[in-house]
Amino acid sequence: MKTLVITEKPSVAKDIASVLGRFESKDGYLENNEYLISWAFGHLVELADPSEYDPALTKWALETLPIIPDTFKLTEIGGSSAKQLRVLKKLLNSPEVSQVINACDAGREGELIFRRIYRYCNCRKPIKRLWLSETTPSAVKAAFTALRDGREYNNLAAAAEARSQADWLVGINGTRAFSVRHNTVLSVGRVQTPTLNLVVSREREIQNFVSKPYWEVYAVFKANGGTYRGKWFTKAGETCKLISSQAAKTLADKVAREGVGKIITLMQKEAKEQPPFLFNLNDLQKEANRRYGYTAQQTLDIAQALYEKHKLLTYPRTDSRHLSTAMVATLAGRLSALQNLPGYKGFIPAEVPVLNKRYVDDAKITDHHAIIPTDRNPAEVRLNDQEEKIYDLVVRRFISIFYPEARYAVTEVVTQAAGENFGSKGKVELAAGWKVLWRGKQEQKEDDEEQEDQNLPPLSQGENVVVSRAEPVEKQTKPPKRFTEATLLAAMESAGRFTEDREMAEVLKEAGGIGTPATRAAIIERLIKVGYLVREKKSLVPTPKGMTLIDLVPEQLKSVEMTANWEEVLRRIEQGQENTMAWMKSICEYTRELVELARNQETAAGIAVEKKALGSCPLCGRDVVETSKGYGCSGYQEGCKFTIWKEIAGKKITPKQAGDLLSKGKTGIIKGFKGKSGKSFDAVLVLGEGGKIEFTFPDRSQSTDNTGRKSEAGSNSLGKCPICGRDVLENSRGFACTGYQEGCKFTIWKEISGKKIGITAARELLAKGRTGVLKGFKSKAGKEFEAALVISNGKVEFEFTRKN
């Protein structure tokens, strides 16, 4: 009998296989005498669409809402992942398999991916759980010696499924109800809508803000040891702003006329700044956005590659900033590995100091510890520029916890002249401490960030000084700043400050805000994809459509309180403290209320629902815009009849697909059309003569449109795209992903640095992630060299053989 190990991705399967012995590669799995190791491509199974419960639910209509299944159905995601699901089903039900090890990502979503595959395949075999926080060989070996009974994670699985089903109920019903009621697609969700509301509320604060002038008064004093500057403030220290220019001028003139002053307070103290906490994902995303402008999704993808592919970082999707006591013994090995890079060698402490509870605290760890480097030698790995920057952030933060705090001498002075008080503050670094790690690497300060600290001369209490000059300075009140990804992530994490309900604020604090570290990046990307937010440089700006949605949805759906309540209940379900059925019953009731509210709203005719042009009409050149039933020419009143219907052969056509049809003349492959016989088929829509929409079938040797014409198309798949999992096919210039119409850019060019790349090499690269060493490449200088090709972060790169 054998044990079947199921991982979330092929790369993790290879990592595990490298530890468990020699394996023979089979179609979709690896095998030896003791283990079968197979993999998913993320989610292979999902909750079924409404149409799979009842074909009549394909049409969006208020009278069919709410849609609340008695029992939720699972369905295959299909496409290129369908074959792998068949492999898993065969293995799970093989009489040769006695038990199954769940080696999917260690967290709520990884548990859901495995449990749905397991349930969809009707498996009943015992489950063991492999819990990995890093994928180095030593970590994999340790995890296999600590396998847990899968039943210990039933509560985690229940929370994952409850979250998914609740999101389905609110998302499907809310989106359909508000979209049908207001004649435009309005996507809602229990996390994305409150997040959008944060950005919209900030934008409206900015729009409604009226800048007003105010004045501050500054004086320059001359002491025995030199000059310094002071800012006026009231005796009680309440304010330093004056709303009248005349009042400011009068005060400055009075002080200048007086001509002398006296230091009435001089207070000196030492300030300390401790090394910051270790990174969790949210903090790493914020720091990378501030320093390098990386989006939250970019940082997550890079950190995932550093964890999964390069094995240089621990599991990135963590909300913890702490380490466990069990990990303390591994820290010396991690520091030792970093000495292999010259940039860190001089910063590694000779001995590992004892860490306090600021960094090591078992009580502060849930599923995973903070993100830190592994003990793999980083000199063995070639990283691209983005990977180097993220790795460097984590490494310097990690090393810094072994350093003392930075120390400063802080001096606060109050000078009185003509009965008015002026404050001055000086700060001098006494010891750099951990900040020595960041010499020359500090991020830029914001342009409008004022610096009040100054280098003060030697001063003494009671010293008389001369007023060199006094003057008013006009300033303007400023609106709040737009959210960047860094500040929005911070706002999502600390969402409790956006509610006046103290009890709810505490719930939000306990729940860790809205969303999770693993989902926040996807939420921001989703809001951009559906057209609710746009990026303007580093800022996130709501669109008219996004602002309209916030005007239409009920307060409960857009408030942070509801999603916080959900996260709190899900946390209790994970801990076995909450009844899943009772909570789902309350979600069903809320769904009914949401639909009823939408049903009773007036159609938003008076609200500017954005009619964004999807492209130009192929018949008359006017804009094509979305309507209730299709995507039609805006010149219909002048007689133009061009329309792309929203439903073709039983399949809903999205605005993105309609836009591709207009701009490129065809869509990508669309799955799930239905013929007159009821049989499903996949096809590409193309724009034919006279604006006619036709079918082609690129997966066949010939294609047929709906007029019966045939044309050449397609070729055999060489393998799966490492970015999106779709098929890779040969074209005239290379071997490219078939998902290019949906935005996937993966390509293996047929010529790289003067070397022809053949089908055999392309197949090997896709199957193994690398080729053998190839000869005949040419550098820009014309010099020949040899190298292996490897796939790194979805790009084909060189890997050079190290020479001793």
Foldseek 3Di string as FASTA:
>chain_A
DAEEEEEADVLLLVLLCVQPDDWDDDDQWTDDPHYIYGYAPQAQKAWDDPCVVPVVVLDQDLVVPDDDDPDTDMDTPDFLRPVNLVVVLCVLPPPVHQEYEQHYAQALSSLQRVVVSCVVSVHDHWYKYQYFFFRHSVRSVVSVVVIHGPVLQVLSPLLSVLVRSLQCSCQVLLQSLQCVQFFHGDTFGLFLQLLLVVQLVQVVLQVPDDKAKKKWKKFWWAFPQGIDIWTFAFPVRPDRIGRDPVVNAVVQVLQVVLFKWWWADKDKDKDWAAQDFAAALLVLQLVCCQFPVDFSVRLQLLVVCCRRPVRFKTHRQAPARAAEPVCPVQVVLQLVLVCLDVLCVVLRDPDQDDADPSHYDPVRGDSDHGMATHNHNCVVDDDDPVSVVSNLVNHLSVSLRRKGIWMKMKMWIWMDGSNTITIAIAIGTPGCISVVSCVVPDGDDDPPDDDRHDHDTDDDRGGMITTPGMDMDMDMDHRDDADFSSVSSVCQQQVLVVDPDPVLSVLCPVLRGADGSVCPSVSVVVCVVVQQWDDDRRGIHGDLQVSVSSVQFDPLSNGSSNRSVSSSQSVCSSVVNHDSVVVVVVSNVVSVVRSVSSVPDRHVPVRCNDFDFLAADPPPGAGFTDGSFFTGGPCVVVPDGATDGQADQSDGDDSLQVSCCRPVQKAFKDWFRADPVRDTDIFMWGQDPPRDIWTFHQCDQWTQIPVGDIDGHYDDFLAAQPPPGHGWDDDDFFTGGSCVRVPQGQTDGQADQNDGDDSVLVSCCRVPQKGPKDWDHADPVRDTDIFMWGQRSRHTDTDHDDDD
